[in-house]
Amino acid sequence: MNPAVVSTLREPITGEFAASTAWDASAFVAATISTPCRSNDADLWFAERTSDIELAKSLCRECPLVRQCLEGALAREEPWGVWGGQSFVDGRVVAQKRGRGRPRKNPLPALAS
């Protein structure tokens, strides 16, 4: 970690900065932890294809910050994307996001194995 950051963290936050900033140690810790959304393509968490969304959700399940991420997204009413292992559409959690376009009138027949 950068020594300047460490020395800053050891000093108490005072004055106008302390009054105007809602500094949270958990936010700093969250920024330093390796998470799937930081180590993979960010577009995956805002994908249109259902398979990509399910992949993002599965990666979230292994994240150490999944609960905090979901709580934050709910508090911010995130308009869309995968947050905390859940799909958001119009600021609400949805079980499964429907793909773009109109659904088929006749489902494809199941392939025999």
PDB file of N, CA and C in Angstrom:
ATOM      1  N   MET A   1       0.844  -1.174   0.000  1.00  0.00           N
ATOM      2  CA  MET A   1       0.000   0.000   0.000  1.00  0.00           C
ATOM      3  C   MET A   1       0.888   1.236   0.000  1.00  0.00           C
ATOM      4  N   ASN A   2       0.419   2.272  -0.596  1.00  0.00           N
ATOM      5  CA  ASN A   2       1.139   3.528  -0.696  1.00  0.00           C
ATOM      6  C   ASN A   2       1.387   4.098   0.709  1.00  0.00           C
ATOM      7  N   PRO A   3       2.653   4.396   1.063  1.00  0.00           N
ATOM      8  CA  PRO A   3       2.962   4.924   2.401  1.00  0.00           C
ATOM      9  C   PRO A   3       2.232   6.233   2.707  1.00  0.00           C
ATOM     10  N   ALA A   4       2.001   7.073   1.698  1.00  0.00           N
ATOM     11  CA  ALA A   4       1.292   8.334   1.932  1.00  0.00           C
ATOM     12  C   ALA A   4      -0.142   8.068   2.374  1.00  0.00           C
ATOM     13  N   VAL A   5      -0.775   7.039   1.797  1.00  0.00           N
ATOM     14  CA  VAL A   5      -2.143   6.686   2.177  1.00  0.00           C
ATOM     15  C   VAL A   5      -2.169   6.157   3.598  1.00  0.00           C
ATOM     16  N   VAL A   6      -1.201   5.308   3.934  1.00  0.00           N
ATOM     17  CA  VAL A   6      -1.140   4.744   5.275  1.00  0.00           C
ATOM     18  C   VAL A   6      -0.960   5.836   6.309  1.00  0.00           C
ATOM     19  N   SER A   7      -0.044   6.793   6.059  1.00  0.00           N
ATOM     20  CA  SER A   7       0.178   7.858   7.036  1.00  0.00           C
ATOM     21  C   SER A   7      -1.058   8.735   7.164  1.00  0.00           C
ATOM     22  N   THR A   8      -1.783   8.951   6.074  1.00  0.00           N
ATOM     23  CA  THR A   8      -3.009   9.744   6.125  1.00  0.00           C
ATOM     24  C   THR A   8      -4.063   9.039   6.953  1.00  0.00           C
ATOM     25  N   LEU A   9      -4.137   7.709   6.846  1.00  0.00           N
ATOM     26  CA  LEU A   9      -5.136   6.957   7.585  1.00  0.00           C
ATOM     27  C   LEU A   9      -4.866   6.954   9.086  1.00  0.00           C
ATOM     28  N   ARG A  10      -3.618   7.113   9.472  1.00  0.00           N
ATOM     29  CA  ARG A  10      -3.272   7.107  10.892  1.00  0.00           C
ATOM     30  C   ARG A  10      -3.629   8.427  11.573  1.00  0.00           C
ATOM     31  N   GLU A  11      -3.724   9.493  10.786  1.00  0.00           N
ATOM     32  CA  GLU A  11      -4.038  10.801  11.354  1.00  0.00           C
ATOM     33  C   GLU A  11      -5.549  10.960  11.455  1.00  0.00           C
ATOM     34  N   PRO A  12      -6.043  11.545  12.538  1.00  0.00           N
ATOM     35  CA  PRO A  12      -7.494  11.740  12.662  1.00  0.00           C
ATOM     36  C   PRO A  12      -7.994  12.760  11.645  1.00  0.00           C
ATOM     37  N   ILE A  13      -9.190  12.543  11.173  1.00  0.00           N
ATOM     38  CA  ILE A  13      -9.807  13.476  10.233  1.00  0.00           C
ATOM     39  C   ILE A  13     -10.514  14.536  11.063  1.00  0.00           C
ATOM     40  N   THR A  14     -10.108  15.800  10.876  1.00  0.00           N
ATOM     41  CA  THR A  14     -10.653  16.883  11.687  1.00  0.00           C
ATOM     42  C   THR A  14     -11.059  18.047  10.800  1.00  0.00           C
ATOM     43  N   GLY A  15     -11.671  19.032  11.425  1.00  0.00           N
ATOM     44  CA  GLY A  15     -11.987  20.275  10.752  1.00  0.00           C
ATOM     45  C   GLY A  15     -13.145  20.161   9.773  1.00  0.00           C
ATOM     46  N   GLU A  16     -13.130  21.079   8.819  1.00  0.00           N
ATOM     47  CA  GLU A  16     -14.209  21.168   7.838  1.00  0.00           C
ATOM     48  C   GLU A  16     -14.318  19.895   7.004  1.00  0.00           C
ATOM     49  N   PHE A  17     -13.170  19.272   6.688  1.00  0.00           N
ATOM     50  CA  PHE A  17     -13.185  18.043   5.896  1.00  0.00           C
ATOM     51  C   PHE A  17     -13.963  16.948   6.617  1.00  0.00           C
ATOM     52  N   ALA A  18     -13.734  16.808   7.915  1.00  0.00           N
ATOM     53  CA  ALA A  18     -14.425  15.774   8.692  1.00  0.00           C
ATOM     54  C   ALA A  18     -15.918  16.039   8.729  1.00  0.00           C
ATOM     55  N   ALA A  19     -16.312  17.293   8.832  1.00  0.00           N
ATOM     56  CA  ALA A  19     -17.722  17.630   8.903  1.00  0.00           C
ATOM     57  C   ALA A  19     -18.426  17.446   7.564  1.00  0.00           C
ATOM     58  N   SER A  20     -17.697  17.633   6.467  1.00  0.00           N
ATOM     59  CA  SER A  20     -18.329  17.577   5.152  1.00  0.00           C
ATOM     60  C   SER A  20     -18.209  16.219   4.480  1.00  0.00           C
ATOM     61  N   THR A  21     -17.467  15.293   5.059  1.00  0.00           N
ATOM     62  CA  THR A  21     -17.222  14.007   4.422  1.00  0.00           C
ATOM     63  C   THR A  21     -17.729  12.875   5.279  1.00  0.00           C
ATOM     64  N   ALA A  22     -18.480  11.993   4.662  1.00  0.00           N
ATOM     65  CA  ALA A  22     -18.933  10.797   5.379  1.00  0.00           C
ATOM     66  C   ALA A  22     -17.927   9.693   5.080  1.00  0.00           C
ATOM     67  N   TRP A  23     -16.740   9.807   5.648  1.00  0.00           N
ATOM     68  CA  TRP A  23     -15.672   8.848   5.384  1.00  0.00           C
ATOM     69  C   TRP A  23     -15.976   7.575   6.133  1.00  0.00           C
ATOM     70  N   ASP A  24     -15.816   6.470   5.451  1.00  0.00           N
ATOM     71  CA  ASP A  24     -16.166   5.183   6.037  1.00  0.00           C
ATOM     72  C   ASP A  24     -15.000   4.227   5.803  1.00  0.00           C
ATOM     73  N   ALA A  25     -14.490   3.639   6.874  1.00  0.00           N
ATOM     74  CA  ALA A  25     -13.367   2.709   6.757  1.00  0.00           C
ATOM     75  C   ALA A  25     -13.746   1.507   5.909  1.00  0.00           C
ATOM     76  N   SER A  26     -15.016   1.071   5.970  1.00  0.00           N
ATOM     77  CA  SER A  26     -15.422  -0.094   5.175  1.00  0.00           C
ATOM     78  C   SER A  26     -15.358   0.210   3.683  1.00  0.00           C
ATOM     79  N   ALA A  27     -15.578   1.458   3.287  1.00  0.00           N
ATOM     80  CA  ALA A  27     -15.460   1.822   1.879  1.00  0.00           C
ATOM     81  C   ALA A  27     -14.007   1.711   1.417  1.00  0.00           C
ATOM     82  N   PHE A  28     -13.077   2.105   2.296  1.00  0.00           N
ATOM     83  CA  PHE A  28     -11.667   1.977   1.955  1.00  0.00           C
ATOM     84  C   PHE A  28     -11.272   0.517   1.817  1.00  0.00           C
ATOM     85  N   VAL A  29     -11.724  -0.313   2.744  1.00  0.00           N
ATOM     86  CA  VAL A  29     -11.423  -1.746   2.687  1.00  0.00           C
ATOM     87  C   VAL A  29     -12.016  -2.343   1.429  1.00  0.00           C
ATOM     88  N   ALA A  30     -13.242  -1.973   1.088  1.00  0.00           N
ATOM     89  CA  ALA A  30     -13.894  -2.490  -0.113  1.00  0.00           C
ATOM     90  C   ALA A  30     -13.112  -2.119  -1.372  1.00  0.00           C
ATOM     91  N   ALA A  31     -12.520  -0.944  -1.379  1.00  0.00           N
ATOM     92  CA  ALA A  31     -11.758  -0.506  -2.549  1.00  0.00           C
ATOM     93  C   ALA A  31     -10.452  -1.268  -2.704  1.00  0.00           C
ATOM     94  N   THR A  32      -9.962  -1.888  -1.654  1.00  0.00           N
ATOM     95  CA  THR A  32      -8.682  -2.581  -1.730  1.00  0.00           C
ATOM     96  C   THR A  32      -8.829  -4.089  -1.924  1.00  0.00           C
ATOM     97  N   ILE A  33     -10.037  -4.629  -1.824  1.00  0.00           N
ATOM     98  CA  ILE A  33     -10.270  -6.063  -1.988  1.00  0.00           C
ATOM     99  C   ILE A  33     -10.450  -6.388  -3.465  1.00  0.00           C
ATOM    100  N   SER A  34      -9.884  -7.490  -3.897  1.00  0.00           N
ATOM    101  CA  SER A  34     -10.056  -7.927  -5.274  1.00  0.00           C
ATOM    102  C   SER A  34     -11.450  -8.545  -5.421  1.00  0.00           C
ATOM    103  N   THR A  35     -12.235  -7.998  -6.326  1.00  0.00           N
ATOM    104  CA  THR A  35     -13.596  -8.480  -6.552  1.00  0.00           C
ATOM    105  C   THR A  35     -13.771  -8.879  -8.011  1.00  0.00           C
ATOM    106  N   PRO A  36     -14.718  -9.763  -8.302  1.00  0.00           N
ATOM    107  CA  PRO A  36     -14.927 -10.203  -9.686  1.00  0.00           C
ATOM    108  C   PRO A  36     -15.274  -9.049 -10.627  1.00  0.00           C
ATOM    109  N   CYS A  37     -16.012  -8.063 -10.149  1.00  0.00           N
ATOM    110  CA  CYS A  37     -16.405  -6.957 -11.031  1.00  0.00           C
ATOM    111  C   CYS A  37     -15.222  -6.059 -11.380  1.00  0.00           C
ATOM    112  N   ARG A  38     -14.171  -6.100 -10.579  1.00  0.00           N
ATOM    113  CA  ARG A  38     -12.976  -5.305 -10.890  1.00  0.00           C
ATOM    114  C   ARG A  38     -11.968  -6.090 -11.711  1.00  0.00           C
ATOM    115  N   SER A  39     -12.023  -7.425 -11.627  1.00  0.00           N
ATOM    116  CA  SER A  39     -11.026  -8.232 -12.335  1.00  0.00           C
ATOM    117  C   SER A  39     -11.550  -8.803 -13.653  1.00  0.00           C
ATOM    118  N   ASN A  40     -12.823  -8.551 -13.993  1.00  0.00           N
ATOM    119  CA  ASN A  40     -13.400  -8.985 -15.270  1.00  0.00           C
ATOM    120  C   ASN A  40     -13.893  -7.767 -16.026  1.00  0.00           C
ATOM    121  N   ASP A  41     -14.333  -7.992 -17.246  1.00  0.00           N
ATOM    122  CA  ASP A  41     -14.848  -6.911 -18.082  1.00  0.00           C
ATOM    123  C   ASP A  41     -16.100  -6.313 -17.443  1.00  0.00           C
ATOM    124  N   ALA A  42     -16.113  -5.012 -17.208  1.00  0.00           N
ATOM    125  CA  ALA A  42     -17.247  -4.346 -16.553  1.00  0.00           C
ATOM    126  C   ALA A  42     -18.531  -4.465 -17.369  1.00  0.00           C
ATOM    127  N   ASP A  43     -18.416  -4.596 -18.671  1.00  0.00           N
ATOM    128  CA  ASP A  43     -19.616  -4.716 -19.512  1.00  0.00           C
ATOM    129  C   ASP A  43     -20.418  -5.965 -19.190  1.00  0.00           C
ATOM    130  N   LEU A  44     -19.786  -6.971 -18.618  1.00  0.00           N
ATOM    131  CA  LEU A  44     -20.482  -8.208 -18.269  1.00  0.00           C
ATOM    132  C   LEU A  44     -21.598  -7.940 -17.265  1.00  0.00           C
ATOM    133  N   TRP A  45     -21.406  -6.975 -16.362  1.00  0.00           N
ATOM    134  CA  TRP A  45     -22.408  -6.678 -15.343  1.00  0.00           C
ATOM    135  C   TRP A  45     -23.533  -5.803 -15.869  1.00  0.00           C
ATOM    136  N   PHE A  46     -23.436  -5.368 -17.116  1.00  0.00           N
ATOM    137  CA  PHE A  46     -24.483  -4.552 -17.732  1.00  0.00           C
ATOM    138  C   PHE A  46     -24.854  -5.126 -19.097  1.00  0.00           C
ATOM    139  N   ALA A  47     -24.750  -6.435 -19.232  1.00  0.00           N
ATOM    140  CA  ALA A  47     -24.973  -7.121 -20.503  1.00  0.00           C
ATOM    141  C   ALA A  47     -26.464  -7.228 -20.828  1.00  0.00           C
ATOM    142  N   GLU A  48     -26.739  -7.483 -22.074  1.00  0.00           N
ATOM    143  CA  GLU A  48     -28.114  -7.698 -22.530  1.00  0.00           C
ATOM    144  C   GLU A  48     -28.448  -9.186 -22.608  1.00  0.00           C
ATOM    145  N   ARG A  49     -27.457 -10.012 -22.962  1.00  0.00           N
ATOM    146  CA  ARG A  49     -27.708 -11.450 -23.123  1.00  0.00           C
ATOM    147  C   ARG A  49     -27.900 -12.107 -21.767  1.00  0.00           C
ATOM    148  N   THR A  50     -28.917 -12.948 -21.686  1.00  0.00           N
ATOM    149  CA  THR A  50     -29.236 -13.643 -20.442  1.00  0.00           C
ATOM    150  C   THR A  50     -28.069 -14.495 -19.963  1.00  0.00           C
ATOM    151  N   SER A  51     -27.365 -15.142 -20.893  1.00  0.00           N
ATOM    152  CA  SER A  51     -26.234 -15.993 -20.493  1.00  0.00           C
ATOM    153  C   SER A  51     -25.119 -15.169 -19.846  1.00  0.00           C
ATOM    154  N   ASP A  52     -24.883 -13.963 -20.349  1.00  0.00           N
ATOM    155  CA  ASP A  52     -23.865 -13.090 -19.749  1.00  0.00           C
ATOM    156  C   ASP A  52     -24.291 -12.617 -18.356  1.00  0.00           C
ATOM    157  N   ILE A  53     -25.562 -12.310 -18.216  1.00  0.00           N
ATOM    158  CA  ILE A  53     -26.074 -11.865 -16.918  1.00  0.00           C
ATOM    159  C   ILE A  53     -25.950 -12.986 -15.891  1.00  0.00           C
ATOM    160  N   GLU A  54     -26.288 -14.209 -16.295  1.00  0.00           N
ATOM    161  CA  GLU A  54     -26.173 -15.344 -15.377  1.00  0.00           C
ATOM    162  C   GLU A  54     -24.714 -15.603 -14.997  1.00  0.00           C
ATOM    163  N   LEU A  55     -23.784 -15.391 -15.943  1.00  0.00           N
ATOM    164  CA  LEU A  55     -22.358 -15.533 -15.630  1.00  0.00           C
ATOM    165  C   LEU A  55     -21.938 -14.495 -14.597  1.00  0.00           C
ATOM    166  N   ALA A  56     -22.366 -13.245 -14.779  1.00  0.00           N
ATOM    167  CA  ALA A  56     -22.031 -12.183 -13.827  1.00  0.00           C
ATOM    168  C   ALA A  56     -22.590 -12.508 -12.446  1.00  0.00           C
ATOM    169  N   LYS A  57     -23.821 -12.995 -12.391  1.00  0.00           N
ATOM    170  CA  LYS A  57     -24.431 -13.357 -11.112  1.00  0.00           C
ATOM    171  C   LYS A  57     -23.663 -14.489 -10.428  1.00  0.00           C
ATOM    172  N   SER A  58     -23.205 -15.457 -11.215  1.00  0.00           N
ATOM    173  CA  SER A  58     -22.457 -16.571 -10.621  1.00  0.00           C
ATOM    174  C   SER A  58     -21.094 -16.108 -10.091  1.00  0.00           C
ATOM    175  N   LEU A  59     -20.466 -15.152 -10.779  1.00  0.00           N
ATOM    176  CA  LEU A  59     -19.202 -14.599 -10.286  1.00  0.00           C
ATOM    177  C   LEU A  59     -19.417 -13.816  -8.994  1.00  0.00           C
ATOM    178  N   CYS A  60     -20.546 -13.134  -8.897  1.00  0.00           N
ATOM    179  CA  CYS A  60     -20.862 -12.359  -7.693  1.00  0.00           C
ATOM    180  C   CYS A  60     -21.012 -13.254  -6.471  1.00  0.00           C
ATOM    181  N   ARG A  61     -21.509 -14.437  -6.661  1.00  0.00           N
ATOM    182  CA  ARG A  61     -21.757 -15.333  -5.522  1.00  0.00           C
ATOM    183  C   ARG A  61     -20.482 -15.646  -4.746  1.00  0.00           C
ATOM    184  N   GLU A  62     -19.333 -15.560  -5.404  1.00  0.00           N
ATOM    185  CA  GLU A  62     -18.055 -15.866  -4.760  1.00  0.00           C
ATOM    186  C   GLU A  62     -17.362 -14.615  -4.213  1.00  0.00           C
ATOM    187  N   CYS A  63     -17.991 -13.459  -4.369  1.00  0.00           N
ATOM    188  CA  CYS A  63     -17.381 -12.196  -3.951  1.00  0.00           C
ATOM    189  C   CYS A  63     -17.541 -11.994  -2.443  1.00  0.00           C
ATOM    190  N   PRO A  64     -16.490 -11.526  -1.770  1.00  0.00           N
ATOM    191  CA  PRO A  64     -16.592 -11.290  -0.323  1.00  0.00           C
ATOM    192  C   PRO A  64     -17.468 -10.087   0.029  1.00  0.00           C
ATOM    193  N   LEU A  65     -17.816  -9.258  -0.944  1.00  0.00           N
ATOM    194  CA  LEU A  65     -18.602  -8.048  -0.680  1.00  0.00           C
ATOM    195  C   LEU A  65     -20.016  -8.120  -1.247  1.00  0.00           C
ATOM    196  N   VAL A  66     -20.503  -9.326  -1.520  1.00  0.00           N
ATOM    197  CA  VAL A  66     -21.796  -9.464  -2.190  1.00  0.00           C
ATOM    198  C   VAL A  66     -22.924  -8.822  -1.375  1.00  0.00           C
ATOM    199  N   ARG A  67     -22.940  -8.991  -0.081  1.00  0.00           N
ATOM    200  CA  ARG A  67     -24.012  -8.424   0.743  1.00  0.00           C
ATOM    201  C   ARG A  67     -23.969  -6.896   0.731  1.00  0.00           C
ATOM    202  N   GLN A  68     -22.770  -6.326   0.919  1.00  0.00           N
ATOM    203  CA  GLN A  68     -22.633  -4.866   0.923  1.00  0.00           C
ATOM    204  C   GLN A  68     -22.980  -4.277  -0.439  1.00  0.00           C
ATOM    205  N   CYS A  69     -22.605  -4.971  -1.491  1.00  0.00           N
ATOM    206  CA  CYS A  69     -22.901  -4.507  -2.853  1.00  0.00           C
ATOM    207  C   CYS A  69     -24.411  -4.453  -3.082  1.00  0.00           C
ATOM    208  N   LEU A  70     -25.113  -5.519  -2.684  1.00  0.00           N
ATOM    209  CA  LEU A  70     -26.560  -5.570  -2.864  1.00  0.00           C
ATOM    210  C   LEU A  70     -27.248  -4.499  -2.021  1.00  0.00           C
ATOM    211  N   GLU A  71     -26.827  -4.342  -0.778  1.00  0.00           N
ATOM    212  CA  GLU A  71     -27.425  -3.326   0.091  1.00  0.00           C
ATOM    213  C   GLU A  71     -27.224  -1.926  -0.492  1.00  0.00           C
ATOM    214  N   GLY A  72     -26.027  -1.658  -1.005  1.00  0.00           N
ATOM    215  CA  GLY A  72     -25.749  -0.357  -1.600  1.00  0.00           C
ATOM    216  C   GLY A  72     -26.577  -0.101  -2.851  1.00  0.00           C
ATOM    217  N   ALA A  73     -26.716  -1.124  -3.690  1.00  0.00           N
ATOM    218  CA  ALA A  73     -27.504  -0.977  -4.913  1.00  0.00           C
ATOM    219  C   ALA A  73     -28.974  -0.721  -4.597  1.00  0.00           C
ATOM    220  N   LEU A  74     -29.491  -1.399  -3.580  1.00  0.00           N
ATOM    221  CA  LEU A  74     -30.878  -1.174  -3.172  1.00  0.00           C
ATOM    222  C   LEU A  74     -31.054   0.239  -2.623  1.00  0.00           C
ATOM    223  N   ALA A  75     -30.094   0.696  -1.825  1.00  0.00           N
ATOM    224  CA  ALA A  75     -30.171   2.044  -1.247  1.00  0.00           C
ATOM    225  C   ALA A  75     -30.090   3.118  -2.338  1.00  0.00           C
ATOM    226  N   ARG A  76     -29.256   2.872  -3.367  1.00  0.00           N
ATOM    227  CA  ARG A  76     -29.094   3.847  -4.447  1.00  0.00           C
ATOM    228  C   ARG A  76     -30.160   3.717  -5.527  1.00  0.00           C
ATOM    229  N   GLU A  77     -30.956   2.632  -5.439  1.00  0.00           N
ATOM    230  CA  GLU A  77     -31.957   2.317  -6.465  1.00  0.00           C
ATOM    231  C   GLU A  77     -31.304   2.272  -7.845  1.00  0.00           C
ATOM    232  N   GLU A  78     -30.265   1.433  -7.950  1.00  0.00           N
ATOM    233  CA  GLU A  78     -29.550   1.287  -9.218  1.00  0.00           C
ATOM    234  C   GLU A  78     -30.538   0.971 -10.340  1.00  0.00           C
ATOM    235  N   PRO A  79     -30.455   1.679 -11.459  1.00  0.00           N
ATOM    236  CA  PRO A  79     -31.449   1.481 -12.519  1.00  0.00           C
ATOM    237  C   PRO A  79     -31.340   0.145 -13.250  1.00  0.00           C
ATOM    238  N   TRP A  80     -30.123  -0.378 -13.391  1.00  0.00           N
ATOM    239  CA  TRP A  80     -29.986  -1.654 -14.107  1.00  0.00           C
ATOM    240  C   TRP A  80     -28.609  -2.232 -13.892  1.00  0.00           C
ATOM    241  N   GLY A  81     -28.467  -3.507 -14.240  1.00  0.00           N
ATOM    242  CA  GLY A  81     -27.186  -4.198 -14.104  1.00  0.00           C
ATOM    243  C   GLY A  81     -27.254  -5.297 -13.061  1.00  0.00           C
ATOM    244  N   VAL A  82     -26.119  -5.941 -12.851  1.00  0.00           N
ATOM    245  CA  VAL A  82     -26.006  -6.985 -11.834  1.00  0.00           C
ATOM    246  C   VAL A  82     -25.261  -6.384 -10.655  1.00  0.00           C
ATOM    247  N   TRP A  83     -25.900  -6.404  -9.498  1.00  0.00           N
ATOM    248  CA  TRP A  83     -25.341  -5.836  -8.278  1.00  0.00           C
ATOM    249  C   TRP A  83     -25.582  -6.838  -7.152  1.00  0.00           C
ATOM    250  N   GLY A  84     -24.558  -7.201  -6.442  1.00  0.00           N
ATOM    251  CA  GLY A  84     -24.706  -8.114  -5.317  1.00  0.00           C
ATOM    252  C   GLY A  84     -25.304  -9.455  -5.707  1.00  0.00           C
ATOM    253  N   GLY A  85     -25.031  -9.906  -6.918  1.00  0.00           N
ATOM    254  CA  GLY A  85     -25.524 -11.202  -7.372  1.00  0.00           C
ATOM    255  C   GLY A  85     -26.970 -11.204  -7.819  1.00  0.00           C
ATOM    256  N   GLN A  86     -27.574 -10.018  -7.955  1.00  0.00           N
ATOM    257  CA  GLN A  86     -28.969  -9.904  -8.374  1.00  0.00           C
ATOM    258  C   GLN A  86     -29.072  -9.021  -9.610  1.00  0.00           C
ATOM    259  N   SER A  87     -30.077  -9.287 -10.440  1.00  0.00           N
ATOM    260  CA  SER A  87     -30.326  -8.469 -11.631  1.00  0.00           C
ATOM    261  C   SER A  87     -31.260  -7.322 -11.265  1.00  0.00           C
ATOM    262  N   PHE A  88     -30.892  -6.129 -11.690  1.00  0.00           N
ATOM    263  CA  PHE A  88     -31.716  -4.946 -11.462  1.00  0.00           C
ATOM    264  C   PHE A  88     -32.261  -4.443 -12.793  1.00  0.00           C
ATOM    265  N   VAL A  89     -33.542  -4.132 -12.816  1.00  0.00           N
ATOM    266  CA  VAL A  89     -34.188  -3.498 -13.958  1.00  0.00           C
ATOM    267  C   VAL A  89     -35.080  -2.406 -13.387  1.00  0.00           C
ATOM    268  N   ASP A  90     -34.885  -1.191 -13.841  1.00  0.00           N
ATOM    269  CA  ASP A  90     -35.662  -0.038 -13.366  1.00  0.00           C
ATOM    270  C   ASP A  90     -35.609   0.110 -11.844  1.00  0.00           C
ATOM    271  N   GLY A  91     -34.430  -0.150 -11.264  1.00  0.00           N
ATOM    272  CA  GLY A  91     -34.241   0.046  -9.834  1.00  0.00           C
ATOM    273  C   GLY A  91     -34.792  -1.041  -8.945  1.00  0.00           C
ATOM    274  N   ARG A  92     -35.263  -2.142  -9.537  1.00  0.00           N
ATOM    275  CA  ARG A  92     -35.827  -3.242  -8.755  1.00  0.00           C
ATOM    276  C   ARG A  92     -35.108  -4.540  -9.083  1.00  0.00           C
ATOM    277  N   VAL A  93     -35.061  -5.431  -8.099  1.00  0.00           N
ATOM    278  CA  VAL A  93     -34.474  -6.754  -8.312  1.00  0.00           C
ATOM    279  C   VAL A  93     -35.497  -7.591  -9.086  1.00  0.00           C
ATOM    280  N   VAL A  94     -35.006  -8.246 -10.146  1.00  0.00           N
ATOM    281  CA  VAL A  94     -35.856  -9.145 -10.931  1.00  0.00           C
ATOM    282  C   VAL A  94     -35.228 -10.536 -10.909  1.00  0.00           C
ATOM    283  N   ALA A  95     -36.070 -11.557 -10.953  1.00  0.00           N
ATOM    284  CA  ALA A  95     -35.574 -12.935 -10.889  1.00  0.00           C
ATOM    285  C   ALA A  95     -34.736 -13.266 -12.119  1.00  0.00           C
ATOM    286  N   GLN A  96     -35.236 -12.893 -13.288  1.00  0.00           N
ATOM    287  CA  GLN A  96     -34.500 -13.179 -14.520  1.00  0.00           C
ATOM    288  C   GLN A  96     -34.834 -12.106 -15.535  1.00  0.00           C
ATOM    289  N   LYS A  97     -33.816 -11.541 -16.116  1.00  0.00           N
ATOM    290  CA  LYS A  97     -34.021 -10.507 -17.118  1.00  0.00           C
ATOM    291  C   LYS A  97     -34.338 -11.161 -18.449  1.00  0.00           C
ATOM    292  N   ARG A  98     -35.409 -10.711 -19.066  1.00  0.00           N
ATOM    293  CA  ARG A  98     -35.789 -11.229 -20.368  1.00  0.00           C
ATOM    294  C   ARG A  98     -34.875 -10.611 -21.423  1.00  0.00           C
ATOM    295  N   GLY A  99     -34.488 -11.408 -22.392  1.00  0.00           N
ATOM    296  CA  GLY A  99     -33.630 -10.927 -23.468  1.00  0.00           C
ATOM    297  C   GLY A  99     -34.321  -9.888 -24.331  1.00  0.00           C
ATOM    298  N   ARG A 100     -33.564  -9.216 -25.156  1.00  0.00           N
ATOM    299  CA  ARG A 100     -34.120  -8.201 -26.050  1.00  0.00           C
ATOM    300  C   ARG A 100     -34.978  -8.846 -27.118  1.00  0.00           C
ATOM    301  N   GLY A 101     -35.904  -8.086 -27.623  1.00  0.00           N
ATOM    302  CA  GLY A 101     -36.744  -8.570 -28.713  1.00  0.00           C
ATOM    303  C   GLY A 101     -38.001  -9.252 -28.204  1.00  0.00           C
ATOM    304  N   ARG A 102     -38.800  -9.668 -29.163  1.00  0.00           N
ATOM    305  CA  ARG A 102     -40.060 -10.319 -28.834  1.00  0.00           C
ATOM    306  C   ARG A 102     -39.828 -11.809 -28.629  1.00  0.00           C
ATOM    307  N   PRO A 103     -40.522 -12.422 -27.663  1.00  0.00           N
ATOM    308  CA  PRO A 103     -40.360 -13.863 -27.467  1.00  0.00           C
ATOM    309  C   PRO A 103     -40.919 -14.647 -28.649  1.00  0.00           C
ATOM    310  N   ARG A 104     -40.415 -15.845 -28.842  1.00  0.00           N
ATOM    311  CA  ARG A 104     -40.895 -16.700 -29.934  1.00  0.00           C
ATOM    312  C   ARG A 104     -42.350 -17.078 -29.722  1.00  0.00           C
ATOM    313  N   LYS A 105     -43.089 -17.171 -30.854  1.00  0.00           N
ATOM    314  CA  LYS A 105     -44.468 -17.643 -30.779  1.00  0.00           C
ATOM    315  C   LYS A 105     -44.497 -19.143 -30.512  1.00  0.00           C
ATOM    316  N   ASN A 106     -43.590 -19.853 -31.150  1.00  0.00           N
ATOM    317  CA  ASN A 106     -43.512 -21.303 -30.998  1.00  0.00           C
ATOM    318  C   ASN A 106     -42.133 -21.639 -30.458  1.00  0.00           C
ATOM    319  N   PRO A 107     -42.066 -22.250 -29.289  1.00  0.00           N
ATOM    320  CA  PRO A 107     -40.747 -22.603 -28.731  1.00  0.00           C
ATOM    321  C   PRO A 107     -40.024 -23.608 -29.610  1.00  0.00           C
ATOM    322  N   LEU A 108     -38.704 -23.532 -29.558  1.00  0.00           N
ATOM    323  CA  LEU A 108     -37.893 -24.479 -30.318  1.00  0.00           C
ATOM    324  C   LEU A 108     -38.064 -25.884 -29.749  1.00  0.00           C
ATOM    325  N   PRO A 109     -38.117 -26.902 -30.603  1.00  0.00           N
ATOM    326  CA  PRO A 109     -38.238 -28.266 -30.067  1.00  0.00           C
ATOM    327  C   PRO A 109     -36.952 -28.666 -29.338  1.00  0.00           C
ATOM    328  N   ALA A 110     -37.123 -29.457 -28.290  1.00  0.00           N
ATOM    329  CA  ALA A 110     -35.978 -29.937 -27.512  1.00  0.00           C
ATOM    330  C   ALA A 110     -35.198 -30.947 -28.343  1.00  0.00           C
ATOM    331  N   LEU A 111     -33.895 -30.831 -28.332  1.00  0.00           N
ATOM    332  CA  LEU A 111     -33.044 -31.772 -29.076  1.00  0.00           C
ATOM    333  C   LEU A 111     -32.892 -33.068 -28.291  1.00  0.00           C
ATOM    334  N   ALA A 112     -33.052 -34.190 -28.989  1.00  0.00           N
ATOM    335  CA  ALA A 112     -32.881 -35.489 -28.346  1.00  0.00           C
ATOM    336  C   ALA A 112     -31.380 -35.767 -28.189  1.00  0.00           C
ATOM    337  N   SER A 113     -30.971 -36.274 -27.039  1.00  0.00           N
ATOM    338  CA  SER A 113     -29.564 -36.550 -26.848  1.00  0.00           C
ATOM    339  C   SER A 113     -29.231 -37.980 -27.110  1.00  0.00           C
TER     340      SER A 113
END
